[in-house]
Amino acid sequence: MRDFAQELVDKIIDECYTGPRGAVVMKTCGLVCSGWLPRSRLHLFARVTVDPNNLPLFIDVIASSSFPILSFIQHLGLHFVRRPLDNVLLSKIHCCPNLARIEVSIWENNTLGIKTFYRSLQIHLPFWASNSPSLTHFDFRGIDMHTPGIENEMILDIIQCVPTLEFLAISGMSMSMRPDSTPIDHSLPPLRNTLHLHGRGVGQFLRSLLLLPTPPTLTSLQLDMVCQSIEDVEHFLKHGGGELVSLSLTDLSSINAVPTVEQFIRHTLKLRNIELFMSNTSVILDILLVLPLYEWETITFVLYNYPTGIAWKDIDTGRKPDDMSNRHVVMTCS
């Protein structure tokens, strides 16, 4: 095989990984020659997902490999599927120095299972956080949680375990956040940058964040508006939304969208990007007209259905005045 500079080979492999079926291509690249193996394995193990069934197999791969596989992991997925992950085996993957993101998915339909999962996170999260200064993202997904819900205490413990946390996402179709059985008594590092909340009880959780000794300093907030308390969300934005640059609201069709948007954004003077998910296109022009004169970068409407009957001419007319001329309006269909 003709020799190429290793930097060029690595760049080619990098491009192959970002393409379709990247993981499959990396397996093939690793078989080409010994010079292709290190870079392909770096990508192949950049994202690892373990569950109760494959965790023992992954531990065997680590033990039998001459490569420092744990140092390749940047995104670690933990799937709790009806039974807990083995704590002894999990302790063998604590040393991931380049870990940047942890994603937890839980399939559990009883409260005892939730508590078991919670205790497991309490054990392992501090080790991952201390071994990887780049750990900034935590994504919790309640895939199948027909339970009373996850207590705010559990979420706050996650924040406490990861002092470098910048992005926290809590989501799940049947997920709910509920108040603690005991008062909040936490000394937590500040939660900065991004918070995504999709589930019931979001408003109460946001209120609880304001009671912390160091309230969060958020620049980006994404909320699911189904079954939410408008008053609680507005209270948080009034007292904790002063630094927001980006705001995303999903399922706006479930509420009276125009006055709600108007209520929320009057407290966010630094807001530059807003994203609104809706199926009712008739209110788009009304929303545009109530937006204040901020220095907007993007105003995005994401439509759940293919848009029909949109009065494009009226929207264009509504944007003609000088106070609307700097608004970059984007419409997409999900």
C-alpha atoms as a PDB file:
ATOM      1  CA  MET A   1       0.000   0.000   0.000  1.00  0.00           C
ATOM      2  CA  ARG A   2       1.318   3.432  -0.903  1.00  0.00           C
ATOM      3  CA  ASP A   3       2.496   5.460   2.083  1.00  0.00           C
ATOM      4  CA  PHE A   4       0.694   8.678   2.960  1.00  0.00           C
ATOM      5  CA  ALA A   5       1.399  11.072   5.788  1.00  0.00           C
ATOM      6  CA  GLN A   6      -0.312   9.821   8.946  1.00  0.00           C
ATOM      7  CA  GLU A   7      -1.969  13.226   9.378  1.00  0.00           C
ATOM      8  CA  LEU A   8      -3.655  12.813   5.984  1.00  0.00           C
ATOM      9  CA  VAL A   9      -4.765   9.257   6.794  1.00  0.00           C
ATOM     10  CA  ASP A  10      -6.208  10.425  10.112  1.00  0.00           C
ATOM     11  CA  LYS A  11      -8.096  13.238   8.387  1.00  0.00           C
ATOM     12  CA  ILE A  12      -9.622  10.812   5.887  1.00  0.00           C
ATOM     13  CA  ILE A  13     -10.721   8.487   8.688  1.00  0.00           C
ATOM     14  CA  ASP A  14     -12.207  11.446  10.567  1.00  0.00           C
ATOM     15  CA  GLU A  15     -14.267  12.364   7.506  1.00  0.00           C
ATOM     16  CA  CYS A  16     -15.440   8.774   7.082  1.00  0.00           C
ATOM     17  CA  TYR A  17     -16.640   8.698  10.678  1.00  0.00           C
ATOM     18  CA  THR A  18     -18.789  11.808  10.243  1.00  0.00           C
ATOM     19  CA  GLY A  19     -20.504  10.278   7.216  1.00  0.00           C
ATOM     20  CA  PRO A  20     -23.441   7.844   7.156  1.00  0.00           C
ATOM     21  CA  ARG A  21     -22.946   4.544   9.019  1.00  0.00           C
ATOM     22  CA  GLY A  22     -19.815   5.945  10.627  1.00  0.00           C
ATOM     23  CA  ALA A  23     -19.384   3.145  13.186  1.00  0.00           C
ATOM     24  CA  VAL A  24     -19.627   0.420  10.515  1.00  0.00           C
ATOM     25  CA  VAL A  25     -17.063   2.235   8.350  1.00  0.00           C
ATOM     26  CA  MET A  26     -14.701   2.492  11.326  1.00  0.00           C
ATOM     27  CA  LYS A  27     -14.763  -1.282  11.776  1.00  0.00           C
ATOM     28  CA  THR A  28     -13.757  -1.677   8.163  1.00  0.00           C
ATOM     29  CA  CYS A  29     -11.031   0.965   8.417  1.00  0.00           C
ATOM     30  CA  GLY A  30      -9.542  -0.857  11.382  1.00  0.00           C
ATOM     31  CA  LEU A  31      -8.995  -3.913   9.186  1.00  0.00           C
ATOM     32  CA  VAL A  32      -7.146  -2.075   6.393  1.00  0.00           C
ATOM     33  CA  CYS A  33      -3.707  -1.996   8.043  1.00  0.00           C
ATOM     34  CA  SER A  34      -2.059  -1.405  11.401  1.00  0.00           C
ATOM     35  CA  GLY A  35      -1.594   2.310  10.604  1.00  0.00           C
ATOM     36  CA  TRP A  36      -5.360   2.798  10.314  1.00  0.00           C
ATOM     37  CA  LEU A  37      -6.246   0.972  13.512  1.00  0.00           C
ATOM     38  CA  PRO A  38      -5.487   3.608  16.210  1.00  0.00           C
ATOM     39  CA  ARG A  39      -7.543   6.376  14.601  1.00  0.00           C
ATOM     40  CA  SER A  40     -10.456   4.112  13.699  1.00  0.00           C
ATOM     41  CA  ARG A  41     -10.618   2.732  17.242  1.00  0.00           C
ATOM     42  CA  LEU A  42     -10.529   6.266  18.609  1.00  0.00           C
ATOM     43  CA  HIS A  43     -13.798   6.950  16.764  1.00  0.00           C
ATOM     44  CA  LEU A  44     -15.259   3.484  17.199  1.00  0.00           C
ATOM     45  CA  PHE A  45     -15.190   3.830  20.980  1.00  0.00           C
ATOM     46  CA  ALA A  46     -15.940   7.565  21.146  1.00  0.00           C
ATOM     47  CA  ARG A  47     -19.568   6.693  21.871  1.00  0.00           C
ATOM     48  CA  VAL A  48     -20.267   3.658  24.061  1.00  0.00           C
ATOM     49  CA  THR A  49     -23.646   2.453  25.326  1.00  0.00           C
ATOM     50  CA  VAL A  50     -23.888  -0.252  27.979  1.00  0.00           C
ATOM     51  CA  ASP A  51     -26.874  -2.154  29.343  1.00  0.00           C
ATOM     52  CA  PRO A  52     -27.217  -5.122  31.727  1.00  0.00           C
ATOM     53  CA  ASN A  53     -26.596  -7.561  28.880  1.00  0.00           C
ATOM     54  CA  ASN A  54     -23.597  -6.087  27.055  1.00  0.00           C
ATOM     55  CA  LEU A  55     -21.705  -4.553  29.997  1.00  0.00           C
ATOM     56  CA  PRO A  56     -19.810  -7.817  30.834  1.00  0.00           C
ATOM     57  CA  LEU A  57     -18.835  -8.178  27.159  1.00  0.00           C
ATOM     58  CA  PHE A  58     -17.530  -4.607  27.030  1.00  0.00           C
ATOM     59  CA  ILE A  59     -15.427  -5.194  30.160  1.00  0.00           C
ATOM     60  CA  ASP A  60     -13.904  -8.241  28.433  1.00  0.00           C
ATOM     61  CA  VAL A  61     -13.033  -6.103  25.382  1.00  0.00           C
ATOM     62  CA  ILE A  62     -11.277  -3.555  27.592  1.00  0.00           C
ATOM     63  CA  ALA A  63      -9.323  -6.258  29.429  1.00  0.00           C
ATOM     64  CA  SER A  64      -8.175  -7.990  26.235  1.00  0.00           C
ATOM     65  CA  SER A  65      -7.228  -4.863  24.259  1.00  0.00           C
ATOM     66  CA  SER A  66      -3.747  -3.371  24.115  1.00  0.00           C
ATOM     67  CA  PHE A  67      -5.303   0.042  23.418  1.00  0.00           C
ATOM     68  CA  PRO A  68      -6.439   2.460  26.152  1.00  0.00           C
ATOM     69  CA  ILE A  69     -10.109   2.140  25.186  1.00  0.00           C
ATOM     70  CA  LEU A  70     -11.418   4.057  28.194  1.00  0.00           C
ATOM     71  CA  SER A  71      -9.470   7.130  27.066  1.00  0.00           C
ATOM     72  CA  PHE A  72     -11.374   7.046  23.748  1.00  0.00           C
ATOM     73  CA  ILE A  73     -14.828   7.340  25.337  1.00  0.00           C
ATOM     74  CA  GLN A  74     -16.386  10.792  25.002  1.00  0.00           C
ATOM     75  CA  HIS A  75     -20.077   9.876  25.167  1.00  0.00           C
ATOM     76  CA  LEU A  76     -21.207   7.193  27.642  1.00  0.00           C
ATOM     77  CA  GLY A  77     -24.746   5.810  27.476  1.00  0.00           C
ATOM     78  CA  LEU A  78     -26.149   3.920  30.476  1.00  0.00           C
ATOM     79  CA  HIS A  79     -29.307   1.915  29.793  1.00  0.00           C
ATOM     80  CA  PHE A  80     -31.138   0.627  32.864  1.00  0.00           C
ATOM     81  CA  VAL A  81     -33.492  -1.972  31.355  1.00  0.00           C
ATOM     82  CA  ARG A  82     -35.756  -3.478  34.021  1.00  0.00           C
ATOM     83  CA  ARG A  83     -32.742  -4.370  36.130  1.00  0.00           C
ATOM     84  CA  PRO A  84     -29.732  -2.424  37.407  1.00  0.00           C
ATOM     85  CA  LEU A  85     -26.285  -2.330  35.879  1.00  0.00           C
ATOM     86  CA  ASP A  86     -23.708  -4.303  37.831  1.00  0.00           C
ATOM     87  CA  ASN A  87     -21.939  -1.834  40.146  1.00  0.00           C
ATOM     88  CA  VAL A  88     -18.716  -3.873  40.282  1.00  0.00           C
ATOM     89  CA  LEU A  89     -18.464  -3.919  36.485  1.00  0.00           C
ATOM     90  CA  LEU A  90     -19.353  -0.212  36.220  1.00  0.00           C
ATOM     91  CA  SER A  91     -16.504   0.596  38.595  1.00  0.00           C
ATOM     92  CA  LYS A  92     -14.103  -0.828  35.995  1.00  0.00           C
ATOM     93  CA  ILE A  93     -14.959   1.989  33.562  1.00  0.00           C
ATOM     94  CA  HIS A  94     -14.584   4.913  35.983  1.00  0.00           C
ATOM     95  CA  CYS A  95     -11.354   6.171  34.430  1.00  0.00           C
ATOM     96  CA  CYS A  96     -12.548   7.891  31.254  1.00  0.00           C
ATOM     97  CA  PRO A  97     -10.361  11.022  31.098  1.00  0.00           C
ATOM     98  CA  ASN A  98     -11.993  12.442  27.951  1.00  0.00           C
ATOM     99  CA  LEU A  99     -15.603  11.784  28.878  1.00  0.00           C
ATOM    100  CA  ALA A 100     -17.769  14.787  27.930  1.00  0.00           C
ATOM    101  CA  ARG A 101     -21.338  13.470  28.053  1.00  0.00           C
ATOM    102  CA  ILE A 102     -23.348  10.921  30.005  1.00  0.00           C
ATOM    103  CA  GLU A 103     -26.746   9.845  28.727  1.00  0.00           C
ATOM    104  CA  VAL A 104     -28.958   7.766  31.018  1.00  0.00           C
ATOM    105  CA  SER A 105     -32.016   5.954  29.671  1.00  0.00           C
ATOM    106  CA  ILE A 106     -34.256   4.126  32.083  1.00  0.00           C
ATOM    107  CA  TRP A 107     -36.919   1.533  31.352  1.00  0.00           C
ATOM    108  CA  GLU A 108     -38.495   0.957  34.735  1.00  0.00           C
ATOM    109  CA  ASN A 109     -42.108   0.910  35.833  1.00  0.00           C
ATOM    110  CA  ASN A 110     -41.874   0.752  39.605  1.00  0.00           C
ATOM    111  CA  THR A 111     -40.609   3.092  42.297  1.00  0.00           C
ATOM    112  CA  LEU A 112     -38.177   0.530  43.748  1.00  0.00           C
ATOM    113  CA  GLY A 113     -36.421   0.309  40.383  1.00  0.00           C
ATOM    114  CA  ILE A 114     -36.067   4.102  40.232  1.00  0.00           C
ATOM    115  CA  LYS A 115     -34.451   4.141  43.686  1.00  0.00           C
ATOM    116  CA  THR A 116     -32.002   1.404  42.630  1.00  0.00           C
ATOM    117  CA  PHE A 117     -31.025   3.390  39.554  1.00  0.00           C
ATOM    118  CA  TYR A 118     -30.637   6.539  41.664  1.00  0.00           C
ATOM    119  CA  ARG A 119     -28.329   4.825  44.174  1.00  0.00           C
ATOM    120  CA  SER A 120     -26.202   3.506  41.315  1.00  0.00           C
ATOM    121  CA  LEU A 121     -25.754   7.019  39.896  1.00  0.00           C
ATOM    122  CA  GLN A 122     -24.802   8.324  43.345  1.00  0.00           C
ATOM    123  CA  ILE A 123     -21.994   5.769  43.456  1.00  0.00           C
ATOM    124  CA  HIS A 124     -20.535   6.253  39.979  1.00  0.00           C
ATOM    125  CA  LEU A 125     -21.152   9.850  38.907  1.00  0.00           C
ATOM    126  CA  PRO A 126     -18.591  11.368  41.321  1.00  0.00           C
ATOM    127  CA  PHE A 127     -15.868   9.093  39.925  1.00  0.00           C
ATOM    128  CA  TRP A 128     -16.607   9.986  36.302  1.00  0.00           C
ATOM    129  CA  ALA A 129     -16.741  13.675  37.201  1.00  0.00           C
ATOM    130  CA  SER A 130     -13.445  13.628  39.125  1.00  0.00           C
ATOM    131  CA  ASN A 131     -11.633  11.627  36.426  1.00  0.00           C
ATOM    132  CA  SER A 132     -12.861  13.760  33.539  1.00  0.00           C
ATOM    133  CA  PRO A 133     -12.708  17.564  33.779  1.00  0.00           C
ATOM    134  CA  SER A 134     -14.413  17.702  30.355  1.00  0.00           C
ATOM    135  CA  LEU A 135     -17.669  16.149  31.640  1.00  0.00           C
ATOM    136  CA  THR A 136     -20.172  18.932  30.982  1.00  0.00           C
ATOM    137  CA  HIS A 137     -23.313  17.206  29.610  1.00  0.00           C
ATOM    138  CA  PHE A 138     -25.842  15.011  31.413  1.00  0.00           C
ATOM    139  CA  ASP A 139     -28.924  13.736  29.581  1.00  0.00           C
ATOM    140  CA  PHE A 140     -31.580  11.791  31.521  1.00  0.00           C
ATOM    141  CA  ARG A 141     -34.317  10.053  29.542  1.00  0.00           C
ATOM    142  CA  GLY A 142     -37.201   8.346  31.276  1.00  0.00           C
ATOM    143  CA  ILE A 143     -38.222   6.049  28.434  1.00  0.00           C
ATOM    144  CA  ASP A 144     -40.797   4.036  30.346  1.00  0.00           C
ATOM    145  CA  MET A 145     -41.492   5.503  33.772  1.00  0.00           C
ATOM    146  CA  HIS A 146     -45.053   4.784  34.911  1.00  0.00           C
ATOM    147  CA  THR A 147     -44.166   5.808  38.456  1.00  0.00           C
ATOM    148  CA  PRO A 148     -44.824   8.781  40.758  1.00  0.00           C
ATOM    149  CA  GLY A 149     -41.858  10.399  39.008  1.00  0.00           C
ATOM    150  CA  ILE A 150     -38.327  11.556  39.726  1.00  0.00           C
ATOM    151  CA  GLU A 151     -37.940  13.769  42.786  1.00  0.00           C
ATOM    152  CA  ASN A 152     -36.252  17.124  42.444  1.00  0.00           C
ATOM    153  CA  GLU A 153     -33.789  15.895  45.061  1.00  0.00           C
ATOM    154  CA  MET A 154     -32.470  13.320  42.601  1.00  0.00           C
ATOM    155  CA  ILE A 155     -31.921  15.940  39.895  1.00  0.00           C
ATOM    156  CA  LEU A 156     -30.147  18.268  42.309  1.00  0.00           C
ATOM    157  CA  ASP A 157     -27.852  15.430  43.371  1.00  0.00           C
ATOM    158  CA  ILE A 158     -26.850  14.984  39.731  1.00  0.00           C
ATOM    159  CA  ILE A 159     -25.880  18.652  39.610  1.00  0.00           C
ATOM    160  CA  GLN A 160     -23.950  18.269  42.857  1.00  0.00           C
ATOM    161  CA  CYS A 161     -22.014  15.241  41.560  1.00  0.00           C
ATOM    162  CA  VAL A 162     -20.882  17.024  38.375  1.00  0.00           C
ATOM    163  CA  PRO A 163     -19.480  20.459  39.293  1.00  0.00           C
ATOM    164  CA  THR A 164     -18.485  21.165  35.661  1.00  0.00           C
ATOM    165  CA  LEU A 165     -22.036  20.610  34.394  1.00  0.00           C
ATOM    166  CA  GLU A 166     -23.087  22.995  31.614  1.00  0.00           C
ATOM    167  CA  PHE A 167     -25.920  21.082  29.924  1.00  0.00           C
ATOM    168  CA  LEU A 168     -28.689  19.219  31.756  1.00  0.00           C
ATOM    169  CA  ALA A 169     -31.603  17.543  29.957  1.00  0.00           C
ATOM    170  CA  ILE A 170     -34.496  15.740  31.663  1.00  0.00           C
ATOM    171  CA  SER A 171     -37.063  14.196  29.329  1.00  0.00           C
ATOM    172  CA  GLY A 172     -39.617  11.421  28.928  1.00  0.00           C
ATOM    173  CA  MET A 173     -43.165  11.117  27.613  1.00  0.00           C
ATOM    174  CA  SER A 174     -44.455   9.641  30.884  1.00  0.00           C
ATOM    175  CA  MET A 175     -41.852  11.368  33.040  1.00  0.00           C
ATOM    176  CA  SER A 176     -42.779  13.745  35.806  1.00  0.00           C
ATOM    177  CA  MET A 177     -40.765  15.843  38.214  1.00  0.00           C
ATOM    178  CA  ARG A 178     -42.214  16.192  41.679  1.00  0.00           C
ATOM    179  CA  PRO A 179     -41.379  18.122  44.843  1.00  0.00           C
ATOM    180  CA  ASP A 180     -39.164  16.524  47.463  1.00  0.00           C
ATOM    181  CA  SER A 181     -40.534  14.943  50.586  1.00  0.00           C
ATOM    182  CA  THR A 182     -38.040  17.066  52.551  1.00  0.00           C
ATOM    183  CA  PRO A 183     -37.038  20.736  52.115  1.00  0.00           C
ATOM    184  CA  ILE A 184     -34.142  21.588  49.808  1.00  0.00           C
ATOM    185  CA  ASP A 185     -30.855  21.874  51.659  1.00  0.00           C
ATOM    186  CA  HIS A 186     -28.123  21.923  49.058  1.00  0.00           C
ATOM    187  CA  SER A 187     -24.877  23.731  48.552  1.00  0.00           C
ATOM    188  CA  LEU A 188     -24.459  23.199  44.829  1.00  0.00           C
ATOM    189  CA  PRO A 189     -22.117  24.403  42.138  1.00  0.00           C
ATOM    190  CA  PRO A 190     -24.005  26.771  39.841  1.00  0.00           C
ATOM    191  CA  LEU A 191     -25.741  25.199  36.856  1.00  0.00           C
ATOM    192  CA  ARG A 192     -24.675  27.187  33.815  1.00  0.00           C
ATOM    193  CA  ASN A 193     -25.571  27.496  30.173  1.00  0.00           C
ATOM    194  CA  THR A 194     -28.237  24.995  29.058  1.00  0.00           C
ATOM    195  CA  LEU A 195     -31.290  23.331  30.608  1.00  0.00           C
ATOM    196  CA  HIS A 196     -33.763  21.177  28.644  1.00  0.00           C
ATOM    197  CA  LEU A 197     -36.872  19.992  30.519  1.00  0.00           C
ATOM    198  CA  HIS A 198     -39.551  17.802  28.949  1.00  0.00           C
ATOM    199  CA  GLY A 199     -42.002  16.340  31.443  1.00  0.00           C
ATOM    200  CA  ARG A 200     -44.674  17.192  33.950  1.00  0.00           C
ATOM    201  CA  GLY A 201     -43.871  19.352  36.960  1.00  0.00           C
ATOM    202  CA  VAL A 202     -41.285  21.513  35.193  1.00  0.00           C
ATOM    203  CA  GLY A 203     -42.609  24.720  36.760  1.00  0.00           C
ATOM    204  CA  GLN A 204     -42.202  23.416  40.304  1.00  0.00           C
ATOM    205  CA  PHE A 205     -38.684  22.254  39.557  1.00  0.00           C
ATOM    206  CA  LEU A 206     -37.751  25.661  38.148  1.00  0.00           C
ATOM    207  CA  ARG A 207     -39.095  27.304  41.304  1.00  0.00           C
ATOM    208  CA  SER A 208     -36.987  24.957  43.427  1.00  0.00           C
ATOM    209  CA  LEU A 209     -33.850  26.033  41.523  1.00  0.00           C
ATOM    210  CA  LEU A 210     -34.447  29.626  42.610  1.00  0.00           C
ATOM    211  CA  LEU A 211     -34.347  28.500  46.251  1.00  0.00           C
ATOM    212  CA  LEU A 212     -30.780  27.226  45.928  1.00  0.00           C
ATOM    213  CA  PRO A 213     -27.968  29.215  47.588  1.00  0.00           C
ATOM    214  CA  THR A 214     -26.533  29.772  44.088  1.00  0.00           C
ATOM    215  CA  PRO A 215     -29.365  29.924  41.532  1.00  0.00           C
ATOM    216  CA  PRO A 216     -28.583  28.755  37.996  1.00  0.00           C
ATOM    217  CA  THR A 217     -27.159  31.119  35.404  1.00  0.00           C
ATOM    218  CA  LEU A 218     -28.768  29.901  32.187  1.00  0.00           C
ATOM    219  CA  THR A 219     -28.112  31.141  28.670  1.00  0.00           C
ATOM    220  CA  SER A 220     -30.321  28.534  26.972  1.00  0.00           C
ATOM    221  CA  LEU A 221     -33.621  27.044  28.134  1.00  0.00           C
ATOM    222  CA  GLN A 222     -35.889  24.536  26.403  1.00  0.00           C
ATOM    223  CA  LEU A 223     -39.292  23.659  27.906  1.00  0.00           C
ATOM    224  CA  ASP A 224     -42.148  21.341  27.000  1.00  0.00           C
ATOM    225  CA  MET A 225     -45.310  23.324  27.692  1.00  0.00           C
ATOM    226  CA  VAL A 226     -47.725  20.365  28.002  1.00  0.00           C
ATOM    227  CA  CYS A 227     -49.378  20.296  31.443  1.00  0.00           C
ATOM    228  CA  GLN A 228     -47.157  23.077  32.787  1.00  0.00           C
ATOM    229  CA  SER A 229     -47.938  25.880  35.191  1.00  0.00           C
ATOM    230  CA  ILE A 230     -47.575  29.102  33.212  1.00  0.00           C
ATOM    231  CA  GLU A 231     -47.257  31.028  36.479  1.00  0.00           C
ATOM    232  CA  ASP A 232     -44.354  28.903  37.730  1.00  0.00           C
ATOM    233  CA  VAL A 233     -42.450  29.187  34.453  1.00  0.00           C
ATOM    234  CA  GLU A 234     -42.980  32.951  34.314  1.00  0.00           C
ATOM    235  CA  HIS A 235     -41.826  33.252  37.928  1.00  0.00           C
ATOM    236  CA  PHE A 236     -38.553  31.520  37.031  1.00  0.00           C
ATOM    237  CA  LEU A 237     -38.014  33.679  33.947  1.00  0.00           C
ATOM    238  CA  LYS A 238     -38.689  36.823  35.966  1.00  0.00           C
ATOM    239  CA  HIS A 239     -36.160  35.953  38.678  1.00  0.00           C
ATOM    240  CA  GLY A 240     -33.732  33.638  36.844  1.00  0.00           C
ATOM    241  CA  GLY A 241     -34.028  34.356  33.135  1.00  0.00           C
ATOM    242  CA  GLY A 242     -32.034  37.568  32.934  1.00  0.00           C
ATOM    243  CA  GLU A 243     -29.074  35.949  31.148  1.00  0.00           C
ATOM    244  CA  LEU A 244     -31.069  33.867  28.658  1.00  0.00           C
ATOM    245  CA  VAL A 245     -29.919  34.190  25.061  1.00  0.00           C
ATOM    246  CA  SER A 246     -31.942  31.297  23.612  1.00  0.00           C
ATOM    247  CA  LEU A 247     -35.447  30.095  24.525  1.00  0.00           C
ATOM    248  CA  SER A 248     -37.228  27.092  23.009  1.00  0.00           C
ATOM    249  CA  LEU A 249     -40.862  26.219  23.784  1.00  0.00           C
ATOM    250  CA  THR A 250     -42.373  22.963  22.501  1.00  0.00           C
ATOM    251  CA  ASP A 251     -46.036  21.935  22.284  1.00  0.00           C
ATOM    252  CA  LEU A 252     -47.282  25.501  22.285  1.00  0.00           C
ATOM    253  CA  SER A 253     -50.511  24.282  20.717  1.00  0.00           C
ATOM    254  CA  SER A 254     -51.602  23.020  24.136  1.00  0.00           C
ATOM    255  CA  ILE A 255     -51.781  26.563  25.549  1.00  0.00           C
ATOM    256  CA  ASN A 256     -52.809  30.070  24.553  1.00  0.00           C
ATOM    257  CA  ALA A 257     -49.572  30.758  22.706  1.00  0.00           C
ATOM    258  CA  VAL A 258     -49.617  34.504  22.009  1.00  0.00           C
ATOM    259  CA  PRO A 259     -50.123  35.898  25.549  1.00  0.00           C
ATOM    260  CA  THR A 260     -47.855  33.181  26.992  1.00  0.00           C
ATOM    261  CA  VAL A 261     -44.948  34.080  24.697  1.00  0.00           C
ATOM    262  CA  GLU A 262     -45.528  37.769  25.430  1.00  0.00           C
ATOM    263  CA  GLN A 263     -45.503  37.099  29.202  1.00  0.00           C
ATOM    264  CA  PHE A 264     -42.320  35.045  29.076  1.00  0.00           C
ATOM    265  CA  ILE A 265     -40.083  37.194  26.901  1.00  0.00           C
ATOM    266  CA  ARG A 266     -40.709  40.481  28.694  1.00  0.00           C
ATOM    267  CA  HIS A 267     -38.421  39.159  31.461  1.00  0.00           C
ATOM    268  CA  THR A 268     -35.566  38.107  29.135  1.00  0.00           C
ATOM    269  CA  LEU A 269     -33.935  41.303  27.918  1.00  0.00           C
ATOM    270  CA  LYS A 270     -30.848  39.520  26.546  1.00  0.00           C
ATOM    271  CA  LEU A 271     -32.851  37.058  24.460  1.00  0.00           C
ATOM    272  CA  ARG A 272     -31.592  36.806  20.885  1.00  0.00           C
ATOM    273  CA  ASN A 273     -32.960  33.459  19.675  1.00  0.00           C
ATOM    274  CA  ILE A 274     -36.423  32.021  20.111  1.00  0.00           C
ATOM    275  CA  GLU A 275     -37.740  28.686  18.822  1.00  0.00           C
ATOM    276  CA  LEU A 276     -41.443  27.837  18.975  1.00  0.00           C
ATOM    277  CA  PHE A 277     -42.946  24.417  18.202  1.00  0.00           C
ATOM    278  CA  MET A 278     -46.601  24.503  17.174  1.00  0.00           C
ATOM    279  CA  SER A 279     -49.283  23.081  14.915  1.00  0.00           C
ATOM    280  CA  ASN A 280     -51.543  26.134  14.833  1.00  0.00           C
ATOM    281  CA  THR A 281     -50.123  28.382  12.132  1.00  0.00           C
ATOM    282  CA  SER A 282     -52.792  31.050  12.482  1.00  0.00           C
ATOM    283  CA  VAL A 283     -51.024  32.671  15.450  1.00  0.00           C
ATOM    284  CA  ILE A 284     -47.606  33.105  13.809  1.00  0.00           C
ATOM    285  CA  LEU A 285     -48.223  36.682  12.712  1.00  0.00           C
ATOM    286  CA  ASP A 286     -49.682  37.613  16.123  1.00  0.00           C
ATOM    287  CA  ILE A 287     -46.586  36.230  17.843  1.00  0.00           C
ATOM    288  CA  LEU A 288     -44.284  38.174  15.533  1.00  0.00           C
ATOM    289  CA  LEU A 289     -46.141  41.367  16.343  1.00  0.00           C
ATOM    290  CA  VAL A 290     -45.835  40.965  20.146  1.00  0.00           C
ATOM    291  CA  LEU A 291     -42.091  40.281  20.094  1.00  0.00           C
ATOM    292  CA  PRO A 292     -40.206  43.201  21.649  1.00  0.00           C
ATOM    293  CA  LEU A 293     -37.500  45.168  19.861  1.00  0.00           C
ATOM    294  CA  TYR A 294     -34.557  42.991  20.853  1.00  0.00           C
ATOM    295  CA  GLU A 295     -31.542  42.490  18.601  1.00  0.00           C
ATOM    296  CA  TRP A 296     -32.868  39.192  17.325  1.00  0.00           C
ATOM    297  CA  GLU A 297     -30.585  36.722  15.591  1.00  0.00           C
ATOM    298  CA  THR A 298     -33.167  34.026  14.787  1.00  0.00           C
ATOM    299  CA  ILE A 299     -36.892  33.564  15.292  1.00  0.00           C
ATOM    300  CA  THR A 300     -37.778  29.963  14.436  1.00  0.00           C
ATOM    301  CA  PHE A 301     -41.203  28.363  14.102  1.00  0.00           C
ATOM    302  CA  VAL A 302     -41.161  24.558  13.951  1.00  0.00           C
ATOM    303  CA  LEU A 303     -44.467  23.259  12.576  1.00  0.00           C
ATOM    304  CA  TYR A 304     -45.597  19.760  13.565  1.00  0.00           C
ATOM    305  CA  ASN A 305     -47.650  19.368  10.386  1.00  0.00           C
ATOM    306  CA  TYR A 306     -46.943  20.407   6.831  1.00  0.00           C
ATOM    307  CA  PRO A 307     -47.981  24.062   6.731  1.00  0.00           C
ATOM    308  CA  THR A 308     -51.122  24.829   4.761  1.00  0.00           C
ATOM    309  CA  GLY A 309     -53.056  28.038   4.599  1.00  0.00           C
ATOM    310  CA  ILE A 310     -50.262  30.208   5.976  1.00  0.00           C
ATOM    311  CA  ALA A 311     -50.804  33.852   5.091  1.00  0.00           C
ATOM    312  CA  TRP A 312     -47.256  34.405   3.849  1.00  0.00           C
ATOM    313  CA  LYS A 313     -48.171  37.785   2.372  1.00  0.00           C
ATOM    314  CA  ASP A 314     -49.513  38.976   5.725  1.00  0.00           C
ATOM    315  CA  ILE A 315     -46.393  37.763   7.513  1.00  0.00           C
ATOM    316  CA  ASP A 316     -44.147  39.548   5.027  1.00  0.00           C
ATOM    317  CA  THR A 317     -46.243  42.689   5.418  1.00  0.00           C
ATOM    318  CA  GLY A 318     -46.003  42.404   9.189  1.00  0.00           C
ATOM    319  CA  ARG A 319     -42.197  42.310   8.965  1.00  0.00           C
ATOM    320  CA  LYS A 320     -41.836  45.380   6.731  1.00  0.00           C
ATOM    321  CA  PRO A 321     -41.822  48.108   9.379  1.00  0.00           C
ATOM    322  CA  ASP A 322     -38.382  49.255  10.530  1.00  0.00           C
ATOM    323  CA  ASP A 323     -38.797  47.720  13.973  1.00  0.00           C
ATOM    324  CA  MET A 324     -39.182  44.250  12.380  1.00  0.00           C
ATOM    325  CA  SER A 325     -36.537  44.502   9.666  1.00  0.00           C
ATOM    326  CA  ASN A 326     -33.743  42.881  11.669  1.00  0.00           C
ATOM    327  CA  ARG A 327     -35.710  39.738  12.509  1.00  0.00           C
ATOM    328  CA  HIS A 328     -34.499  36.589  10.795  1.00  0.00           C
ATOM    329  CA  VAL A 329     -37.593  34.373  10.687  1.00  0.00           C
ATOM    330  CA  VAL A 330     -37.148  30.659   9.900  1.00  0.00           C
ATOM    331  CA  MET A 331     -39.926  28.104   9.439  1.00  0.00           C
ATOM    332  CA  THR A 332     -39.343  24.372   9.391  1.00  0.00           C
ATOM    333  CA  CYS A 333     -41.597  21.327   9.465  1.00  0.00           C
ATOM    334  CA  SER A 334     -40.805  18.461  11.842  1.00  0.00           C
END
